[in-house]
Every structure is written in structure tokens, then in C-alpha cells.
C-alpha atoms as a PDB file:
ATOM      1  CA  MET A   1       7.323  16.479 -12.085  1.00  0.00           C
ATOM      2  CA  SER A   2       9.102  13.132 -11.896  1.00  0.00           C
ATOM      3  CA  ALA A   3       8.763  11.027  -8.760  1.00  0.00           C
ATOM      4  CA  CYS A   4      10.698  12.165  -5.688  1.00  0.00           C
ATOM      5  CA  ARG A   5      14.174  10.724  -5.141  1.00  0.00           C
ATOM      6  CA  ASP A   6      15.186  12.204  -1.783  1.00  0.00           C
ATOM      7  CA  ILE A   7      17.619   9.443  -0.829  1.00  0.00           C
ATOM      8  CA  PRO A   8      19.383  11.399   1.974  1.00  0.00           C
ATOM      9  CA  PHE A   9      16.036  11.892   3.730  1.00  0.00           C
ATOM     10  CA  VAL A  10      15.252   8.178   3.467  1.00  0.00           C
ATOM     11  CA  LEU A  11      18.636   7.001   4.727  1.00  0.00           C
ATOM     12  CA  ASP A  12      18.507   9.422   7.636  1.00  0.00           C
ATOM     13  CA  ARG A  13      14.983   8.346   8.590  1.00  0.00           C
ATOM     14  CA  LEU A  14      15.931   4.659   8.323  1.00  0.00           C
ATOM     15  CA  ASN A  15      18.902   5.204  10.627  1.00  0.00           C
ATOM     16  CA  TRP A  16      16.650   6.975  13.142  1.00  0.00           C
ATOM     17  CA  MET A  17      14.036   4.217  13.023  1.00  0.00           C
ATOM     18  CA  ARG A  18      16.641   1.512  13.614  1.00  0.00           C
ATOM     19  CA  ALA A  19      18.246   3.435  16.484  1.00  0.00           C
ATOM     20  CA  GLU A  20      14.832   3.952  18.116  1.00  0.00           C
ATOM     21  CA  ARG A  21      13.736   0.356  17.397  1.00  0.00           C
ATOM     22  CA  VAL A  22      10.747   1.635  15.466  1.00  0.00           C
ATOM     23  CA  TRP A  23      11.330  -0.310  12.213  1.00  0.00           C
ATOM     24  CA  PRO A  24      12.381  -2.808  10.891  1.00  0.00           C
ATOM     25  CA  ASN A  25      13.408  -3.953  14.376  1.00  0.00           C
ATOM     26  CA  GLY A  26      10.035  -3.125  15.945  1.00  0.00           C
ATOM     27  CA  LEU A  27       6.692  -4.906  15.988  1.00  0.00           C
ATOM     28  CA  ARG A  28       5.607  -6.517  12.738  1.00  0.00           C
ATOM     29  CA  TYR A  29       2.653  -4.991  10.845  1.00  0.00           C
ATOM     30  CA  THR A  30       1.764  -6.267   7.378  1.00  0.00           C
ATOM     31  CA  TRP A  31       0.893  -2.918   5.779  1.00  0.00           C
ATOM     32  CA  THR A  32       4.012  -1.154   7.014  1.00  0.00           C
ATOM     33  CA  ASP A  33       6.260  -4.103   6.191  1.00  0.00           C
ATOM     34  CA  ALA A  34       4.859  -4.304   2.653  1.00  0.00           C
ATOM     35  CA  PHE A  35       5.801  -0.686   1.971  1.00  0.00           C
ATOM     36  CA  GLY A  36       9.107  -1.351   3.710  1.00  0.00           C
ATOM     37  CA  VAL A  37       9.987  -4.258   1.431  1.00  0.00           C
ATOM     38  CA  VAL A  38       9.278  -2.105  -1.628  1.00  0.00           C
ATOM     39  CA  LEU A  39      11.406   0.685  -0.135  1.00  0.00           C
ATOM     40  CA  LEU A  40      14.364  -1.578   0.581  1.00  0.00           C
ATOM     41  CA  VAL A  41      14.294  -3.171  -2.873  1.00  0.00           C
ATOM     42  CA  SER A  42      14.019   0.303  -4.402  1.00  0.00           C
ATOM     43  CA  LEU A  43      17.098   1.427  -2.461  1.00  0.00           C
ATOM     44  CA  TYR A  44      18.950  -1.630  -3.713  1.00  0.00           C
ATOM     45  CA  ALA A  45      18.008  -0.793  -7.307  1.00  0.00           C
ATOM     46  CA  GLU A  46      19.017   2.851  -6.833  1.00  0.00           C
ATOM     47  CA  LEU A  47      22.252   2.423  -4.850  1.00  0.00           C
ATOM     48  CA  ARG A  48      23.281  -1.147  -5.739  1.00  0.00           C
ATOM     49  CA  GLU A  49      24.139  -1.932  -2.141  1.00  0.00           C
ATOM     50  CA  GLN A  50      23.478  -5.607  -1.390  1.00  0.00           C
ATOM     51  CA  ARG A  51      22.550  -4.899   2.229  1.00  0.00           C
ATOM     52  CA  PHE A  52      19.200  -3.458   1.170  1.00  0.00           C
ATOM     53  CA  LEU A  53      18.218  -6.537  -0.807  1.00  0.00           C
ATOM     54  CA  ASP A  54      19.402  -8.775   2.026  1.00  0.00           C
ATOM     55  CA  GLU A  55      17.329  -6.792   4.514  1.00  0.00           C
ATOM     56  CA  ALA A  56      14.263  -7.035   2.273  1.00  0.00           C
ATOM     57  CA  GLU A  57      14.598 -10.826   2.208  1.00  0.00           C
ATOM     58  CA  TRP A  58      15.139 -10.901   5.974  1.00  0.00           C
ATOM     59  CA  LEU A  59      12.000  -8.830   6.425  1.00  0.00           C
ATOM     60  CA  VAL A  60       9.932 -11.257   4.367  1.00  0.00           C
ATOM     61  CA  SER A  61      11.210 -14.144   6.475  1.00  0.00           C
ATOM     62  CA  GLU A  62      10.353 -12.239   9.670  1.00  0.00           C
ATOM     63  CA  VAL A  63       6.814 -11.522   8.495  1.00  0.00           C
ATOM     64  CA  ASP A  64       6.437 -15.233   7.714  1.00  0.00           C
ATOM     65  CA  ARG A  65       7.838 -16.193  11.107  1.00  0.00           C
ATOM     66  CA  VAL A  66       5.822 -13.741  13.203  1.00  0.00           C
ATOM     67  CA  LEU A  67       2.618 -13.165  11.226  1.00  0.00           C
ATOM     68  CA  GLY A  68       2.430 -16.102   8.844  1.00  0.00           C
ATOM     69  CA  ARG A  69      -0.441 -18.523   9.353  1.00  0.00           C
ATOM     70  CA  ARG A  70      -1.324 -21.836   7.721  1.00  0.00           C
ATOM     71  CA  ARG A  71      -3.404 -19.773   5.318  1.00  0.00           C
ATOM     72  CA  GLY A  72      -2.521 -16.104   4.930  1.00  0.00           C
ATOM     73  CA  ILE A  73      -0.862 -13.480   7.109  1.00  0.00           C
ATOM     74  CA  ARG A  74      -2.122 -11.890  10.327  1.00  0.00           C
ATOM     75  CA  ILE A  75      -2.661  -8.111  10.334  1.00  0.00           C
ATOM     76  CA  GLY A  76       0.005  -7.342  12.929  1.00  0.00           C
ATOM     77  CA  GLU A  77       1.989  -8.527  15.907  1.00  0.00           C
ATOM     78  CA  ALA A  78       0.241  -6.420  18.576  1.00  0.00           C
ATOM     79  CA  PRO A  79      -2.587  -8.196  20.422  1.00  0.00           C
ATOM     80  CA  ASP A  80      -5.278  -5.939  18.945  1.00  0.00           C
ATOM     81  CA  ARG A  81      -4.148  -6.549  15.370  1.00  0.00           C
ATOM     82  CA  ASP A  82      -5.664  -9.978  14.930  1.00  0.00           C
ATOM     83  CA  GLY A  83      -7.494 -11.274  11.878  1.00  0.00           C
ATOM     84  CA  GLN A  84      -6.584 -10.701   8.237  1.00  0.00           C
ATOM     85  CA  TYR A  85      -7.293  -7.669   6.032  1.00  0.00           C
ATOM     86  CA  PHE A  86      -7.489  -8.342   2.304  1.00  0.00           C
ATOM     87  CA  HIS A  87      -6.076  -4.947   1.311  1.00  0.00           C
ATOM     88  CA  TYR A  88      -3.039  -5.568   3.540  1.00  0.00           C
ATOM     89  CA  LEU A  89      -2.511  -8.950   1.914  1.00  0.00           C
ATOM     90  CA  ALA A  90      -2.809  -7.357  -1.525  1.00  0.00           C
ATOM     91  CA  MET A  91      -0.134  -4.811  -0.624  1.00  0.00           C
ATOM     92  CA  TRP A  92       2.079  -7.635   0.629  1.00  0.00           C
ATOM     93  CA  LEU A  93       1.559  -9.455  -2.668  1.00  0.00           C
ATOM     94  CA  TYR A  94       2.672  -6.338  -4.527  1.00  0.00           C
ATOM     95  CA  ALA A  95       5.798  -6.204  -2.352  1.00  0.00           C
ATOM     96  CA  LEU A  96       6.582  -9.829  -3.216  1.00  0.00           C
ATOM     97  CA  SER A  97       6.168  -9.021  -6.915  1.00  0.00           C
ATOM     98  CA  VAL A  98       8.714  -6.212  -6.528  1.00  0.00           C
ATOM     99  CA  LEU A  99      11.201  -8.430  -4.702  1.00  0.00           C
ATOM    100  CA  ALA A 100      10.705 -11.065  -7.401  1.00  0.00           C
ATOM    101  CA  ARG A 101      12.196  -8.691  -9.967  1.00  0.00           C
ATOM    102  CA  HIS A 102      15.559  -9.351  -8.336  1.00  0.00           C
ATOM    103  CA  VAL A 103      14.959 -12.734  -6.665  1.00  0.00           C
ATOM    104  CA  PRO A 104      12.516 -14.606  -8.943  1.00  0.00           C
ATOM    105  CA  THR A 105      11.557 -17.299  -6.399  1.00  0.00           C
ATOM    106  CA  TYR A 106       9.346 -14.766  -4.608  1.00  0.00           C
ATOM    107  CA  ARG A 107       6.914 -14.760  -7.527  1.00  0.00           C
ATOM    108  CA  ALA A 108       5.903 -18.349  -6.811  1.00  0.00           C
ATOM    109  CA  LYS A 109       5.669 -17.460  -3.125  1.00  0.00           C
ATOM    110  CA  GLY A 110       3.198 -14.720  -3.963  1.00  0.00           C
ATOM    111  CA  VAL A 111       1.125 -16.950  -6.231  1.00  0.00           C
ATOM    112  CA  ASP A 112       0.948 -19.560  -3.469  1.00  0.00           C
ATOM    113  CA  LEU A 113      -0.312 -16.911  -1.034  1.00  0.00           C
ATOM    114  CA  VAL A 114      -3.070 -15.931  -3.470  1.00  0.00           C
ATOM    115  CA  HIS A 115      -4.105 -19.573  -3.693  1.00  0.00           C
ATOM    116  CA  GLN A 116      -4.278 -19.667   0.113  1.00  0.00           C
ATOM    117  CA  ILE A 117      -6.466 -16.597   0.563  1.00  0.00           C
ATOM    118  CA  HIS A 118      -8.487 -15.762  -2.546  1.00  0.00           C
ATOM    119  CA  ASP A 119     -11.391 -18.163  -2.247  1.00  0.00           C
ATOM    120  CA  ALA A 120     -11.808 -17.373   1.457  1.00  0.00           C
ATOM    121  CA  PHE A 121     -12.164 -13.622   0.889  1.00  0.00           C
ATOM    122  CA  ILE A 122     -14.175 -13.448  -2.315  1.00  0.00           C
ATOM    123  CA  VAL A 123     -17.932 -13.859  -2.540  1.00  0.00           C
ATOM    124  CA  PRO A 124     -18.622 -14.233  -6.281  1.00  0.00           C
ATOM    125  CA  GLY A 125     -20.996 -11.629  -7.608  1.00  0.00           C
ATOM    126  CA  ARG A 126     -21.022  -9.685  -4.347  1.00  0.00           C
ATOM    127  CA  GLY A 127     -17.576  -8.525  -3.249  1.00  0.00           C
ATOM    128  CA  VAL A 128     -14.375  -9.093  -1.306  1.00  0.00           C
ATOM    129  CA  VAL A 129     -14.704  -9.442   2.456  1.00  0.00           C
ATOM    130  CA  TRP A 130     -12.760  -6.617   4.098  1.00  0.00           C
ATOM    131  CA  LYS A 131     -11.621  -8.523   7.198  1.00  0.00           C
ATOM    132  CA  MET A 132     -11.583 -12.250   7.930  1.00  0.00           C
ATOM    133  CA  LYS A 133     -11.001 -14.263  11.062  1.00  0.00           C
ATOM    134  CA  GLU A 134      -7.376 -15.243  11.484  1.00  0.00           C
ATOM    135  CA  ASP A 135      -7.932 -18.821  10.298  1.00  0.00           C
ATOM    136  CA  LEU A 136      -9.996 -17.571   7.322  1.00  0.00           C
ATOM    137  CA  THR A 137     -12.986 -19.698   8.344  1.00  0.00           C
ATOM    138  CA  ALA A 138     -15.455 -16.791   8.363  1.00  0.00           C
ATOM    139  CA  PRO A 139     -15.727 -13.002   8.070  1.00  0.00           C
ATOM    140  CA  TYR A 140     -14.596 -11.102  11.150  1.00  0.00           C
ATOM    141  CA  PRO A 141     -17.722 -10.127  13.112  1.00  0.00           C
ATOM    142  CA  GLY A 142     -19.013  -6.697  12.211  1.00  0.00           C
ATOM    143  CA  PHE A 143     -17.166  -6.307   8.922  1.00  0.00           C
ATOM    144  CA  GLY A 144     -18.625  -6.363   5.408  1.00  0.00           C
ATOM    145  CA  PHE A 145     -17.204  -5.903   1.926  1.00  0.00           C
ATOM    146  CA  GLY A 146     -14.304  -3.594   1.105  1.00  0.00           C
ATOM    147  CA  ALA A 147     -14.931  -0.865  -1.467  1.00  0.00           C
ATOM    148  CA  LEU A 148     -11.426  -0.951  -2.962  1.00  0.00           C
ATOM    149  CA  ASP A 149     -10.462  -4.551  -2.251  1.00  0.00           C
ATOM    150  CA  ALA A 150     -11.332  -5.981  -5.675  1.00  0.00           C
ATOM    151  CA  PHE A 151      -9.196  -3.254  -7.271  1.00  0.00           C
ATOM    152  CA  ASP A 152      -6.350  -4.048  -4.836  1.00  0.00           C
ATOM    153  CA  GLY A 153      -6.472  -7.725  -5.709  1.00  0.00           C
ATOM    154  CA  TYR A 154      -6.788  -7.156  -9.442  1.00  0.00           C
ATOM    155  CA  VAL A 155      -3.650  -5.004  -9.612  1.00  0.00           C
ATOM    156  CA  SER A 156      -1.545  -7.105  -7.234  1.00  0.00           C
ATOM    157  CA  TYR A 157      -2.516 -10.343  -8.950  1.00  0.00           C
ATOM    158  CA  ARG A 158      -1.662  -8.968 -12.382  1.00  0.00           C
ATOM    159  CA  CYS A 159       1.689  -7.657 -11.136  1.00  0.00           C
ATOM    160  CA  LEU A 160       2.489 -11.112  -9.768  1.00  0.00           C
ATOM    161  CA  ASP A 161       1.537 -13.514 -12.571  1.00  0.00           C
ATOM    162  CA  GLU A 162      -1.250 -12.941 -15.076  1.00  0.00           C
ATOM    163  CA  ASN A 163      -1.175 -16.513 -16.327  1.00  0.00           C
ATOM    164  CA  ALA A 164      -1.022 -18.405 -13.034  1.00  0.00           C
ATOM    165  CA  LEU A 165      -3.738 -16.181 -11.544  1.00  0.00           C
ATOM    166  CA  ALA A 166      -5.991 -15.816 -14.604  1.00  0.00           C
ATOM    167  CA  ARG A 167      -9.098 -17.152 -12.824  1.00  0.00           C
ATOM    168  CA  GLU A 168      -8.612 -14.974  -9.760  1.00  0.00           C
ATOM    169  CA  ILE A 169      -7.948 -11.875 -11.881  1.00  0.00           C
ATOM    170  CA  ALA A 170     -11.115 -12.474 -13.914  1.00  0.00           C
ATOM    171  CA  GLU A 171     -13.188 -12.811 -10.740  1.00  0.00           C
ATOM    172  CA  MET A 172     -11.813  -9.540  -9.391  1.00  0.00           C
ATOM    173  CA  ARG A 173     -12.534  -7.808 -12.696  1.00  0.00           C
ATOM    174  CA  VAL A 174     -16.201  -8.842 -12.568  1.00  0.00           C
ATOM    175  CA  LEU A 175     -16.514  -7.276  -9.110  1.00  0.00           C
ATOM    176  CA  MET A 176     -14.720  -4.123 -10.240  1.00  0.00           C
ATOM    177  CA  ASP A 177     -16.928  -3.672 -13.266  1.00  0.00           C
ATOM    178  CA  ALA A 178     -20.029  -4.009 -11.103  1.00  0.00           C
ATOM    179  CA  SER A 179     -18.937  -1.315  -8.641  1.00  0.00           C
ATOM    180  CA  VAL A 180     -16.808   1.220 -10.501  1.00  0.00           C
ATOM    181  CA  ALA A 181     -19.594   3.441 -11.859  1.00  0.00           C
ATOM    182  CA  ASN A 182     -21.046   4.153  -8.417  1.00  0.00           C
ATOM    183  CA  LEU A 183     -17.813   4.123  -6.409  1.00  0.00           C
ATOM    184  CA  THR A 184     -16.822   7.499  -4.987  1.00  0.00           C
ATOM    185  CA  VAL A 185     -13.886   7.442  -2.575  1.00  0.00           C
ATOM    186  CA  THR A 186     -13.852  10.278  -0.035  1.00  0.00           C
ATOM    187  CA  GLN A 187     -11.132   9.353   2.490  1.00  0.00           C
ATOM    188  CA  ASP A 188      -7.583  10.612   1.968  1.00  0.00           C
ATOM    189  CA  LEU A 189      -5.678   7.312   2.046  1.00  0.00           C
ATOM    190  CA  GLY A 190      -8.274   5.556  -0.073  1.00  0.00           C
ATOM    191  CA  LEU A 191      -8.020   8.337  -2.651  1.00  0.00           C
ATOM    192  CA  GLY A 192      -4.248   8.060  -2.748  1.00  0.00           C
ATOM    193  CA  MET A 193      -4.317   4.296  -3.064  1.00  0.00           C
ATOM    194  CA  MET A 194      -6.963   4.355  -5.803  1.00  0.00           C
ATOM    195  CA  LEU A 195      -4.856   6.836  -7.772  1.00  0.00           C
ATOM    196  CA  TRP A 196      -1.875   4.544  -7.273  1.00  0.00           C
ATOM    197  CA  LEU A 197      -3.849   1.526  -8.482  1.00  0.00           C
ATOM    198  CA  SER A 198      -5.116   3.419 -11.521  1.00  0.00           C
ATOM    199  CA  HIS A 199      -1.644   4.160 -12.854  1.00  0.00           C
ATOM    200  CA  PHE A 200      -0.754   0.530 -13.550  1.00  0.00           C
ATOM    201  CA  PHE A 201      -3.369   0.126 -16.280  1.00  0.00           C
ATOM    202  CA  PRO A 202      -4.231   3.755 -17.022  1.00  0.00           C
ATOM    203  CA  LYS A 203      -6.196   3.200 -20.222  1.00  0.00           C
ATOM    204  CA  GLU A 204      -8.688   0.756 -18.728  1.00  0.00           C
ATOM    205  CA  ASP A 205     -12.126   2.295 -18.193  1.00  0.00           C
ATOM    206  CA  TRP A 206     -12.144   1.830 -14.410  1.00  0.00           C
ATOM    207  CA  ALA A 207      -8.775   3.582 -14.110  1.00  0.00           C
ATOM    208  CA  VAL A 208      -9.847   6.554 -16.243  1.00  0.00           C
ATOM    209  CA  ILE A 209     -13.064   6.996 -14.256  1.00  0.00           C
ATOM    210  CA  GLN A 210     -11.477   6.679 -10.834  1.00  0.00           C
ATOM    211  CA  LYS A 211      -8.467   8.856 -11.604  1.00  0.00           C
ATOM    212  CA  GLN A 212     -10.701  11.760 -12.647  1.00  0.00           C
ATOM    213  CA  ARG A 213     -13.065  11.261  -9.728  1.00  0.00           C
ATOM    214  CA  CYS A 214     -10.295  10.976  -7.114  1.00  0.00           C
ATOM    215  CA  LEU A 215      -8.406  14.032  -8.343  1.00  0.00           C
ATOM    216  CA  ALA A 216     -11.573  16.122  -8.259  1.00  0.00           C
ATOM    217  CA  THR A 217     -12.287  15.056  -4.675  1.00  0.00           C
ATOM    218  CA  LEU A 218      -8.712  15.644  -3.537  1.00  0.00           C
ATOM    219  CA  ASP A 219      -8.734  19.126  -5.017  1.00  0.00           C
ATOM    220  CA  ARG A 220     -11.556  19.991  -2.601  1.00  0.00           C
ATOM    221  CA  MET A 221      -9.563  18.548   0.310  1.00  0.00           C
ATOM    222  CA  TRP A 222      -6.371  20.574  -0.112  1.00  0.00           C
ATOM    223  CA  CYS A 223      -5.618  22.972   2.735  1.00  0.00           C
ATOM    224  CA  ASP A 224      -3.298  25.882   2.035  1.00  0.00           C
ATOM    225  CA  ASP A 225      -1.104  25.093   5.038  1.00  0.00           C
ATOM    226  CA  GLY A 226       0.217  22.182   2.972  1.00  0.00           C
ATOM    227  CA  TYR A 227      -1.851  19.062   3.559  1.00  0.00           C
ATOM    228  CA  PHE A 228      -4.965  17.167   2.534  1.00  0.00           C
ATOM    229  CA  CYS A 229      -7.712  16.908   5.137  1.00  0.00           C
ATOM    230  CA  ARG A 230      -9.150  13.526   6.083  1.00  0.00           C
ATOM    231  CA  GLU A 231     -12.396  13.925   4.117  1.00  0.00           C
ATOM    232  CA  PRO A 232     -14.061  16.846   2.322  1.00  0.00           C
ATOM    233  CA  ASN A 233     -16.190  17.655   5.370  1.00  0.00           C
ATOM    234  CA  LEU A 234     -13.372  17.193   7.905  1.00  0.00           C
ATOM    235  CA  ARG A 235     -11.217  20.204   7.089  1.00  0.00           C
ATOM    236  CA  HIS A 236      -9.309  20.256  10.364  1.00  0.00           C
ATOM    237  CA  VAL A 237      -8.513  16.538  10.591  1.00  0.00           C
ATOM    238  CA  LYS A 238      -5.160  15.469   9.181  1.00  0.00           C
ATOM    239  CA  PHE A 239      -2.828  12.485   9.469  1.00  0.00           C
ATOM    240  CA  ALA A 240       0.734  12.287   8.237  1.00  0.00           C
ATOM    241  CA  PHE A 241       0.749   8.677   7.058  1.00  0.00           C
ATOM    242  CA  THR A 242      -2.474   9.047   5.069  1.00  0.00           C
ATOM    243  CA  ASN A 243      -1.156  12.208   3.409  1.00  0.00           C
ATOM    244  CA  TYR A 244       1.944  10.306   2.424  1.00  0.00           C
ATOM    245  CA  GLY A 245      -0.369   7.779   0.777  1.00  0.00           C
ATOM    246  CA  VAL A 246      -1.977  10.622  -1.174  1.00  0.00           C
ATOM    247  CA  SER A 247       1.497  11.801  -2.181  1.00  0.00           C
ATOM    248  CA  ILE A 248       2.341   8.362  -3.579  1.00  0.00           C
ATOM    249  CA  GLY A 249      -0.865   8.334  -5.601  1.00  0.00           C
ATOM    250  CA  LEU A 250      -0.261  11.825  -6.968  1.00  0.00           C
ATOM    251  CA  GLN A 251       3.290  10.947  -7.957  1.00  0.00           C
ATOM    252  CA  ALA A 252       2.039   7.796  -9.666  1.00  0.00           C
ATOM    253  CA  VAL A 253      -0.407   9.699 -11.893  1.00  0.00           C
ATOM    254  CA  LYS A 254       1.808  12.798 -12.199  1.00  0.00           C
ATOM    255  CA  ALA A 255      -0.800  15.195 -10.845  1.00  0.00           C
ATOM    256  CA  MET A 256      -0.796  18.203  -8.492  1.00  0.00           C
ATOM    257  CA  ASN A 257       2.971  18.250  -8.774  1.00  0.00           C
ATOM    258  CA  GLU A 258       3.432  21.411  -6.725  1.00  0.00           C
ATOM    259  CA  ARG A 259       1.540  19.947  -3.769  1.00  0.00           C
ATOM    260  CA  VAL A 260       3.748  16.894  -3.224  1.00  0.00           C
ATOM    261  CA  PRO A 261       6.851  18.809  -2.029  1.00  0.00           C
ATOM    262  CA  ARG A 262       4.645  21.112   0.039  1.00  0.00           C
ATOM    263  CA  LEU A 263       2.997  18.130   1.696  1.00  0.00           C
ATOM    264  CA  ASN A 264       6.358  16.507   2.439  1.00  0.00           C
ATOM    265  CA  ALA A 265       7.732  19.774   3.835  1.00  0.00           C
ATOM    266  CA  PHE A 266       4.687  20.268   6.074  1.00  0.00           C
ATOM    267  CA  PHE A 267       4.813  16.806   7.617  1.00  0.00           C
ATOM    268  CA  ASP A 268       8.612  16.759   7.937  1.00  0.00           C
ATOM    269  CA  HIS A 269       8.103  19.172  10.828  1.00  0.00           C
ATOM    270  CA  TYR A 270       4.574  18.305  11.937  1.00  0.00           C
ATOM    271  CA  ARG A 271       4.079  16.842  15.417  1.00  0.00           C
ATOM    272  CA  SER A 272       0.715  15.168  15.968  1.00  0.00           C
ATOM    273  CA  GLY A 273       1.134  14.446  19.658  1.00  0.00           C
ATOM    274  CA  ASP A 274      -0.683  11.116  19.267  1.00  0.00           C
ATOM    275  CA  GLU A 275       0.365   7.468  18.934  1.00  0.00           C
ATOM    276  CA  TYR A 276       1.119   7.918  15.237  1.00  0.00           C
ATOM    277  CA  GLU A 277       4.021  10.275  15.977  1.00  0.00           C
ATOM    278  CA  ARG A 278       6.385   7.361  16.627  1.00  0.00           C
ATOM    279  CA  ASP A 279       4.451   4.650  14.837  1.00  0.00           C
ATOM    280  CA  ALA A 280       6.403   2.852  12.118  1.00  0.00           C
ATOM    281  CA  ILE A 281       3.609   3.374   9.592  1.00  0.00           C
ATOM    282  CA  THR A 282       4.162   7.141   9.691  1.00  0.00           C
ATOM    283  CA  HIS A 283       7.885   6.947   9.081  1.00  0.00           C
ATOM    284  CA  VAL A 284       7.947   4.153   6.503  1.00  0.00           C
ATOM    285  CA  MET A 285       5.222   5.942   4.547  1.00  0.00           C
ATOM    286  CA  ALA A 286       7.251   9.161   4.833  1.00  0.00           C
ATOM    287  CA  CYS A 287      10.187   7.384   3.220  1.00  0.00           C
ATOM    288  CA  SER A 288       7.901   6.075   0.467  1.00  0.00           C
ATOM    289  CA  SER A 289       6.599   9.580  -0.208  1.00  0.00           C
ATOM    290  CA  HIS A 290      10.123  10.987  -0.468  1.00  0.00           C
ATOM    291  CA  PHE A 291      11.273   8.048  -2.599  1.00  0.00           C
ATOM    292  CA  PRO A 292       8.454   5.885  -4.025  1.00  0.00           C
ATOM    293  CA  GLY A 293      10.835   3.841  -6.155  1.00  0.00           C
ATOM    294  CA  TYR A 294       9.167   0.625  -7.298  1.00  0.00           C
ATOM    295  CA  LEU A 295       5.778   1.926  -6.199  1.00  0.00           C
ATOM    296  CA  ILE A 296       5.865   3.789  -9.514  1.00  0.00           C
ATOM    297  CA  ARG A 297       5.386   1.803 -12.702  1.00  0.00           C
ATOM    298  CA  GLY A 298       8.522   1.923 -14.836  1.00  0.00           C
ATOM    299  CA  PHE A 299      10.995   2.574 -12.009  1.00  0.00           C
ATOM    300  CA  GLY A 300      14.266   0.778 -12.647  1.00  0.00           C
ATOM    301  CA  ALA A 301      13.443   0.098 -16.285  1.00  0.00           C
END
């Protein structure tokens, strides 16, 4: 199955989000806005309507204005979303690399951001700190190393500029090689994102290992109602936005093709009754699941 291209769904959901002031005219949140930038640029590439590219550039400027710091980007606008997550920054870097395909100046912007954050987050020979204080002076209290963060950085850095970021890429690769053999991801969104990461360089050993491992774990997490549970031992726990992340990963590696439309159909009508029901992350990720666009290597080529 080729990647989903349900443009009517996406346009309808975007119109609803704008009318309800959910996104992009809601609170800023780096993860959601990163996927949103990729979505908007993908719509521009698909429909050739300048408004989507203009809105993507506006969104980048808004993230800079609201969340940008002297070094790096804050997690989100809400008071409880302080500090900086590396995996959010990596996703933002990927979004800048996508925008740079149409507006090349954003490549240098992404490289500059890497130079701001990399040395603060990485501990050579040990790992990438999962969450840092907002000024990047120290790890956020209570947080250690991220299991997937070196993989996130490696892929985003290579998508941005392999030459300008050669040192940083090499440092991430050392950390990846040290962890990949023993790394088993068990949470739904992490599985989806690792599958997504693996499809950029599918012949590299880490990608082969993790793709096989993630697909085997996900197969145990499928529920016949039409969704993936949170973890193998949490059969009755499900979240829409994390399932959409799984969907993106499956589309990237072209696996479990029959489950992607079933997943989308299930969550199109699912009502969680919690804060995620109206949260922008749910609806932007839904759009990305129905139309991953530039999230998939080779789109627009």
C-alpha cells in the first residue's frame, strides 16, 4: 500500500481546527508545530497553493517568537511545558529540513539550531539528555537519557546537512551503535517513531534490527477493534495521537498495510472524553496519518 493521501479529510480537519482555535491559532507546542510545518509544506507540494507555504513560514516565525530562546526552543507555551526536550527539537529540525526544500534559507537556520543545542544535550560516550532546563545550563531535575534521542538526532541532522553537521552526526552514531543491540521499544508512539526513523536509511544495521524488532512488538499490540494498545501489557489503554504516530511509522516502512486504514477509521469516530479530545496534537497527528506527505522519504520526488 502506498502512503495515504486523504486530502479532503485533512482540509476539513484544518478548517475545523482554525474555526475552533485549536491549531495553528492556538497555543504553541513544538512537537505539534513540527508535524504541522511538515503537513503544510506537504499540502503546498501536493496542491501548489501558495497559502500553505506561506502559513508554514508564518508558523516557524511564531514558534521563534513564542518559544524561541537564546539557545534552543521551549517545549510549549503553556506554563507546565517548560524546559527543552531533545526529541522535540529533533522533530523541529526535520520540519526545517522539509521547508528548506522549497525555501533553502531554512537549512542554515536548522544547522544554527543544532549548533545551539547539541553540545548541551549530548554526554559523549553515555547518551543524549532527554530533557534540559530551559536555558540549557543543566539537565532538568529527575530526567536521564533518552532511549531514542540519539537516533532522532542522527536522522534529523543527516536530513539537514551531512557536511555541516559531520561531527554531530558522528557523535550520535557512536551512541546509537552502543545502544542498538539491547534497545527494545515497547511504547506505541516510540515504536511508530523508530519505524519512521528506520526508513530513511533502511540498509544500515541499526535500521534493519529496529524495524524487525518494532514490527514484532507492534504485532502483539494490535487489538481487533482497530487500534494498537499503549504497551503489550496494557491491552485496554489506547490514545489516538500515539496510534497516529504508529500509522506514520507503518506507512514509512510499508508494513501492516491493512491496519492503517482500520486505525484511521477507528479513531475518526473515537471519543476519549479526556483532554486529548480537543488537543491540537491529536488532530495534527490525525492529518499526518491521513496524509504523511514529506514524512515519507521520496515524497514529491
